[in-house]
Amino acid sequence: MAKPEEMYQCQATGSCGYIYNPDKGDKKGKIPKGTPFADLPDDWKCPSCGASKKAFKPLAGPGSVSEGG
């Protein structure tokens, strides 16, 4: 099971709140289960709001959503 620091939450304008979980991958984006966030293609977009990878922050750890930074 993925740890919080391996999951990323979308922080785009309006904060759609989508959480990328490597255990689930992204069916819509054809990303297989088990794909770490760091291994997503640079052109991958949030399946919920279309935001780029840069709009995502880890759920835990340095620079995370929980840190507020």
C-alpha atoms as a PDB file:
ATOM      1  CA  MET A   1       0.000   0.000   0.000  1.00  0.00           C
ATOM      2  CA  ALA A   2       1.278   3.455  -0.904  1.00  0.00           C
ATOM      3  CA  LYS A   3       2.478   5.664   1.939  1.00  0.00           C
ATOM      4  CA  PRO A   4       1.163   9.260   2.187  1.00  0.00           C
ATOM      5  CA  GLU A   5       4.512  10.613   0.978  1.00  0.00           C
ATOM      6  CA  GLU A   6       4.099   8.551  -2.208  1.00  0.00           C
ATOM      7  CA  MET A   7       0.677  10.075  -2.942  1.00  0.00           C
ATOM      8  CA  TYR A   8       0.234  13.545  -4.405  1.00  0.00           C
ATOM      9  CA  GLN A   9      -2.725  15.940  -4.175  1.00  0.00           C
ATOM     10  CA  CYS A  10      -3.706  18.463  -6.843  1.00  0.00           C
ATOM     11  CA  GLN A  11      -3.315  22.030  -5.583  1.00  0.00           C
ATOM     12  CA  ALA A  12      -4.403  23.756  -8.811  1.00  0.00           C
ATOM     13  CA  THR A  13      -6.457  26.940  -8.734  1.00  0.00           C
ATOM     14  CA  GLY A  14      -9.775  25.955  -7.258  1.00  0.00           C
ATOM     15  CA  SER A  15      -8.028  22.953  -5.669  1.00  0.00           C
ATOM     16  CA  CYS A  16      -9.895  20.062  -7.237  1.00  0.00           C
ATOM     17  CA  GLY A  17      -8.308  17.899  -4.525  1.00  0.00           C
ATOM     18  CA  TYR A  18      -7.605  14.903  -6.776  1.00  0.00           C
ATOM     19  CA  ILE A  19      -5.114  12.546  -5.128  1.00  0.00           C
ATOM     20  CA  TYR A  20      -2.745  10.541  -7.330  1.00  0.00           C
ATOM     21  CA  ASN A  21      -2.253   7.153  -5.691  1.00  0.00           C
ATOM     22  CA  PRO A  22       0.465   4.971  -7.284  1.00  0.00           C
ATOM     23  CA  ASP A  23      -1.409   1.858  -6.115  1.00  0.00           C
ATOM     24  CA  LYS A  24      -4.280   2.839  -8.406  1.00  0.00           C
ATOM     25  CA  GLY A  25      -2.497   4.619 -11.256  1.00  0.00           C
ATOM     26  CA  ASP A  26      -4.670   6.685 -13.616  1.00  0.00           C
ATOM     27  CA  LYS A  27      -7.064   4.749 -15.825  1.00  0.00           C
ATOM     28  CA  LYS A  28      -8.120   7.840 -17.781  1.00  0.00           C
ATOM     29  CA  GLY A  29      -4.494   8.766 -18.510  1.00  0.00           C
ATOM     30  CA  LYS A  30      -3.545   5.139 -19.232  1.00  0.00           C
ATOM     31  CA  ILE A  31      -1.078   5.095 -16.318  1.00  0.00           C
ATOM     32  CA  PRO A  32      -0.706   1.532 -14.980  1.00  0.00           C
ATOM     33  CA  LYS A  33      -1.065   0.637 -11.301  1.00  0.00           C
ATOM     34  CA  GLY A  34       2.242   0.800  -9.428  1.00  0.00           C
ATOM     35  CA  THR A  35       3.579   3.870 -11.308  1.00  0.00           C
ATOM     36  CA  PRO A  36       5.292   6.302  -8.891  1.00  0.00           C
ATOM     37  CA  PHE A  37       4.375   9.994  -9.308  1.00  0.00           C
ATOM     38  CA  ALA A  38       7.983  10.788 -10.266  1.00  0.00           C
ATOM     39  CA  ASP A  39       7.707   8.337 -13.175  1.00  0.00           C
ATOM     40  CA  LEU A  40       4.617   9.961 -14.687  1.00  0.00           C
ATOM     41  CA  PRO A  41       5.270  11.558 -18.096  1.00  0.00           C
ATOM     42  CA  ASP A  42       6.058  15.298 -17.973  1.00  0.00           C
ATOM     43  CA  ASP A  43       2.955  15.995 -20.053  1.00  0.00           C
ATOM     44  CA  TRP A  44       0.639  14.054 -17.690  1.00  0.00           C
ATOM     45  CA  LYS A  45      -2.391  16.060 -16.552  1.00  0.00           C
ATOM     46  CA  CYS A  46      -4.778  15.747 -13.609  1.00  0.00           C
ATOM     47  CA  PRO A  47      -7.659  13.547 -14.779  1.00  0.00           C
ATOM     48  CA  SER A  48     -10.087  15.683 -12.780  1.00  0.00           C
ATOM     49  CA  CYS A  49      -9.176  19.283 -13.692  1.00  0.00           C
ATOM     50  CA  GLY A  50      -6.402  19.017 -16.308  1.00  0.00           C
ATOM     51  CA  ALA A  51      -3.687  20.657 -14.172  1.00  0.00           C
ATOM     52  CA  SER A  52      -0.024  19.849 -14.855  1.00  0.00           C
ATOM     53  CA  LYS A  53       2.254  17.795 -12.569  1.00  0.00           C
ATOM     54  CA  LYS A  54       3.575  21.079 -11.134  1.00  0.00           C
ATOM     55  CA  ALA A  55       0.182  21.659  -9.460  1.00  0.00           C
ATOM     56  CA  PHE A  56       0.655  18.561  -7.269  1.00  0.00           C
ATOM     57  CA  LYS A  57       2.244  18.348  -3.824  1.00  0.00           C
ATOM     58  CA  PRO A  58       3.003  15.253  -1.726  1.00  0.00           C
ATOM     59  CA  LEU A  59       0.529  14.444   1.035  1.00  0.00           C
ATOM     60  CA  ALA A  60       3.350  14.066   3.596  1.00  0.00           C
ATOM     61  CA  GLY A  61       7.034  14.908   3.965  1.00  0.00           C
ATOM     62  CA  PRO A  62       9.088  17.983   2.927  1.00  0.00           C
ATOM     63  CA  GLY A  63       7.136  20.551   0.888  1.00  0.00           C
ATOM     64  CA  SER A  64       3.931  18.599   1.437  1.00  0.00           C
ATOM     65  CA  VAL A  65       0.278  19.552   1.652  1.00  0.00           C
ATOM     66  CA  SER A  66       0.312  18.785   5.398  1.00  0.00           C
ATOM     67  CA  GLU A  67       3.245  21.165   5.944  1.00  0.00           C
ATOM     68  CA  GLY A  68       1.329  23.952   4.267  1.00  0.00           C
ATOM     69  CA  GLY A  69       4.322  24.685   2.084  1.00  0.00           C
END
